[in-house]
């Protein structure tokens, strides 16, 4: 969890739960901005595998990510994309996470989190913050930023300086990408 969302030992953390491909997962409420229904999606050529495309949400352009693909689950069918959880990364970018079912916001005692089992796939090890046991199911607490880093590799990197190119006269000039 990021520092803003991580409770002190023995503290309470608010988590937002949702279901992805039959698995319950949760995110820190501090990073969840809103939940929306599917918007008109514009597919983007050459986008990373988990990126479905872009949406225009009240004038904000937001990347929409298929959490199923990132977790190695069968990709959701287009007509099943009904819930999009808008989250904010540590870098300040808003991203839409496509989920199958919306759960609830719950206050969770941090001491209830158990370690992600070593027997799970490396992706779960990388993005899982902990596991919560309930009577009817298990929920994996996910680190939003590590999840996004798997689908949006550039989201995990700090901004770099401008690239420079040499003009015909040998002077360095900024490269302008359109």
Protein backbone atom coordinates (compact mmCIF):
# COMPACT_ATOMS: atom_id res chain seq x y z
CA UNK A 1 0.00 0.00 0.00
CA UNK A 2 1.17 3.48 -0.53
CA UNK A 3 2.02 5.58 2.49
CA UNK A 4 -1.22 7.58 2.31
CA UNK A 5 -3.37 4.46 2.36
CA UNK A 6 -1.30 2.27 4.68
CA UNK A 7 -2.63 2.18 8.24
CA UNK A 8 -0.33 2.10 11.22
CA UNK A 9 0.18 -1.34 12.76
CA UNK A 10 -3.07 -2.28 14.42
CA UNK A 11 -4.89 0.53 12.61
CA UNK A 12 -7.97 0.49 10.44
CA UNK A 13 -7.84 0.83 6.67
CA UNK A 14 -10.77 1.51 4.38
CA UNK A 15 -10.81 -0.79 1.39
CA UNK A 16 -12.95 -0.89 -1.76
CA UNK A 17 -13.71 -4.43 -2.92
CA UNK A 18 -14.64 -5.71 -6.36
CA UNK A 19 -14.70 -8.97 -8.25
CA UNK A 20 -12.50 -9.74 -11.23
CA UNK A 21 -12.89 -13.07 -13.02
CA UNK A 22 -14.37 -14.75 -9.96
CA UNK A 23 -11.68 -13.43 -7.58
CA UNK A 24 -12.42 -10.78 -4.96
CA UNK A 25 -9.80 -8.04 -4.82
CA UNK A 26 -9.60 -4.78 -2.88
CA UNK A 27 -7.94 -1.39 -3.29
CA UNK A 28 -7.24 1.33 -0.72
CA UNK A 29 -10.21 3.72 -0.71
CA UNK A 30 -7.77 6.64 -0.69
CA UNK A 31 -6.94 5.86 -4.33
CA UNK A 32 -10.49 5.20 -5.58
CA UNK A 33 -12.06 8.32 -7.06
CA UNK A 34 -15.35 6.92 -8.35
CA UNK A 35 -17.09 3.98 -10.00
CA UNK A 36 -18.75 4.52 -13.36
CA UNK A 37 -20.60 2.45 -15.92
CA UNK A 38 -18.91 1.65 -19.20
CA UNK A 39 -18.25 4.72 -21.33
CA UNK A 40 -17.66 4.90 -25.07
CA UNK A 41 -14.19 3.48 -25.54
CA UNK A 42 -11.67 4.54 -28.18
CA UNK A 43 -9.24 1.67 -28.87
CA UNK A 44 -5.61 2.76 -29.24
CA UNK A 45 -3.28 1.01 -31.68
CA UNK A 46 0.04 -0.14 -30.17
CA UNK A 47 -1.29 0.20 -26.61
CA UNK A 48 0.11 -2.25 -24.04
CA UNK A 49 -1.80 -5.54 -23.86
CA UNK A 50 -3.90 -4.70 -20.80
CA UNK A 51 -4.96 -1.27 -22.06
CA UNK A 52 -8.37 -1.41 -23.71
CA UNK A 53 -8.27 2.19 -24.91
CA UNK A 54 -9.22 5.70 -23.82
CA UNK A 55 -12.43 7.19 -22.46
CA UNK A 56 -13.52 10.80 -22.14
CA UNK A 57 -14.89 11.26 -18.63
CA UNK A 58 -16.30 14.75 -18.24
CA UNK A 59 -13.47 16.22 -20.29
CA UNK A 60 -10.68 14.10 -18.75
CA UNK A 61 -8.98 11.55 -21.01
CA UNK A 62 -8.49 8.34 -19.04
CA UNK A 63 -6.78 5.06 -19.98
CA UNK A 64 -9.03 2.07 -19.41
CA UNK A 65 -7.30 -1.11 -18.25
CA UNK A 66 -8.63 -4.69 -18.27
CA UNK A 67 -7.68 -6.05 -14.84
CA UNK A 68 -8.51 -9.59 -16.04
CA UNK A 69 -5.73 -9.48 -18.64
CA UNK A 70 -3.21 -8.16 -16.14
CA UNK A 71 -4.04 -10.98 -13.74
CA UNK A 72 -3.75 -13.59 -16.50
CA UNK A 73 -7.48 -14.31 -16.53
CA UNK A 74 -9.60 -14.62 -19.63
CA UNK A 75 -10.28 -11.15 -21.03
CA UNK A 76 -13.76 -9.85 -20.33
CA UNK A 77 -16.21 -9.78 -23.21
CA UNK A 78 -16.99 -6.27 -24.46
CA UNK A 79 -20.61 -6.39 -23.32
CA UNK A 80 -19.54 -7.38 -19.81
CA UNK A 81 -17.49 -4.21 -19.26
CA UNK A 82 -20.07 -2.57 -17.06
CA UNK A 83 -18.05 -1.31 -14.09
CA UNK A 84 -15.02 0.93 -14.31
CA UNK A 85 -13.24 1.91 -11.09
CA UNK A 86 -11.45 5.23 -11.55
CA UNK A 87 -8.28 5.27 -9.45
CA UNK A 88 -5.47 7.78 -9.01
CA UNK A 89 -1.88 6.58 -9.25
CA UNK A 90 0.92 7.99 -7.10
CA UNK A 91 2.03 9.91 -10.18
CA UNK A 92 -1.36 11.63 -10.21
CA UNK A 93 -2.75 9.93 -13.32
CA UNK A 94 -6.40 8.86 -13.33
CA UNK A 95 -6.89 5.35 -14.74
CA UNK A 96 -10.04 3.27 -15.23
CA UNK A 97 -9.90 -0.34 -14.04
CA UNK A 98 -12.51 -2.61 -15.65
CA UNK A 99 -14.00 -5.01 -13.09
CA UNK A 100 -16.84 -7.54 -13.23
CA UNK A 101 -18.66 -6.71 -10.02
CA UNK A 102 -18.52 -3.90 -7.48
CA UNK A 103 -18.41 -4.87 -3.82
CA UNK A 104 -18.39 -2.45 -0.92
CA UNK A 105 -16.26 -0.09 1.09
CA UNK A 106 -15.19 -1.74 4.33
CA UNK A 107 -13.09 -0.76 7.31
CA UNK A 108 -10.51 -3.49 7.77
CA UNK A 109 -8.22 -4.01 10.75
CA UNK A 110 -4.69 -4.02 9.34
CA UNK A 111 -3.81 -6.96 11.60
CA UNK A 112 -6.26 -9.15 9.63
CA UNK A 113 -4.09 -9.00 6.50
CA UNK A 114 -2.10 -12.17 5.93
CA UNK A 115 0.90 -12.53 3.64
CA UNK A 116 0.22 -13.39 0.01
CA UNK A 117 1.06 -17.13 -0.22
CA UNK A 118 4.34 -17.96 -1.95
CA UNK A 119 2.51 -20.59 -4.00
CA UNK A 120 0.62 -17.97 -6.02
CA UNK A 121 1.81 -16.79 -9.42
CA UNK A 122 4.57 -14.15 -9.47
CA UNK A 123 2.10 -11.48 -10.65
CA UNK A 124 0.00 -11.95 -7.50
CA UNK A 125 3.21 -11.80 -5.44
CA UNK A 126 4.16 -8.53 -7.10
CA UNK A 127 0.83 -6.70 -6.80
CA UNK A 128 -0.66 -8.32 -3.70
CA UNK A 129 -0.35 -6.44 -0.41
CA UNK A 130 -2.05 -9.11 1.64
CA UNK A 131 -4.92 -11.57 1.86
CA UNK A 132 -8.12 -11.24 3.87
CA UNK A 133 -10.14 -14.30 4.90
CA UNK A 134 -13.91 -14.13 5.10
CA UNK A 135 -16.43 -16.89 5.82
CA UNK A 136 -17.47 -17.10 2.17
CA UNK A 137 -14.41 -15.97 0.21
CA UNK A 138 -10.85 -14.67 0.19
CA UNK A 139 -9.96 -11.14 -0.92
CA UNK A 140 -6.52 -10.09 -2.14
CA UNK A 141 -5.56 -6.51 -1.31
CA UNK A 142 -3.84 -5.02 -4.37
CA UNK A 143 -1.31 -2.24 -4.70
CA UNK A 144 -2.85 0.02 -7.36
CA UNK A 145 0.48 1.43 -8.53
CA UNK A 146 2.13 -1.96 -8.97
CA UNK A 147 -0.97 -3.18 -10.83
CA UNK A 148 -0.77 -0.16 -13.14
CA UNK A 149 2.97 -0.70 -13.67
CA UNK A 150 2.18 -4.09 -15.19
CA UNK A 151 -0.30 -2.62 -17.67
CA UNK A 152 1.13 0.87 -18.19
CA UNK A 153 4.92 0.48 -18.02
CA UNK A 154 5.40 4.22 -18.47
CA UNK A 155 3.20 4.90 -15.40
CA UNK A 156 5.83 3.29 -13.18
CA UNK A 157 8.64 5.49 -14.43
CA UNK A 158 9.48 8.98 -13.31
CA UNK A 159 9.34 11.57 -16.07
CA UNK A 160 12.62 11.79 -17.96
CA UNK A 161 14.34 14.83 -19.40
CA UNK A 162 13.56 15.88 -22.95
CA UNK A 163 15.20 13.83 -25.67
CA UNK A 164 17.66 15.75 -27.79
CA UNK A 165 18.42 15.30 -31.45
CA UNK A 166 21.18 16.78 -33.58
CA UNK A 167 20.06 19.04 -36.40
CA UNK A 168 21.85 19.20 -39.75
CA UNK A 169 24.16 21.91 -38.38
CA UNK A 170 25.13 19.73 -35.39
CA UNK A 171 23.15 21.62 -32.74
CA UNK A 172 21.15 19.69 -30.18
CA UNK A 173 17.41 20.34 -30.37
CA UNK A 174 14.46 18.88 -28.47
CA UNK A 175 12.59 16.08 -30.19
CA UNK A 176 8.91 16.90 -30.59
CA UNK A 177 6.65 13.85 -30.66
CA UNK A 178 3.11 14.13 -31.99
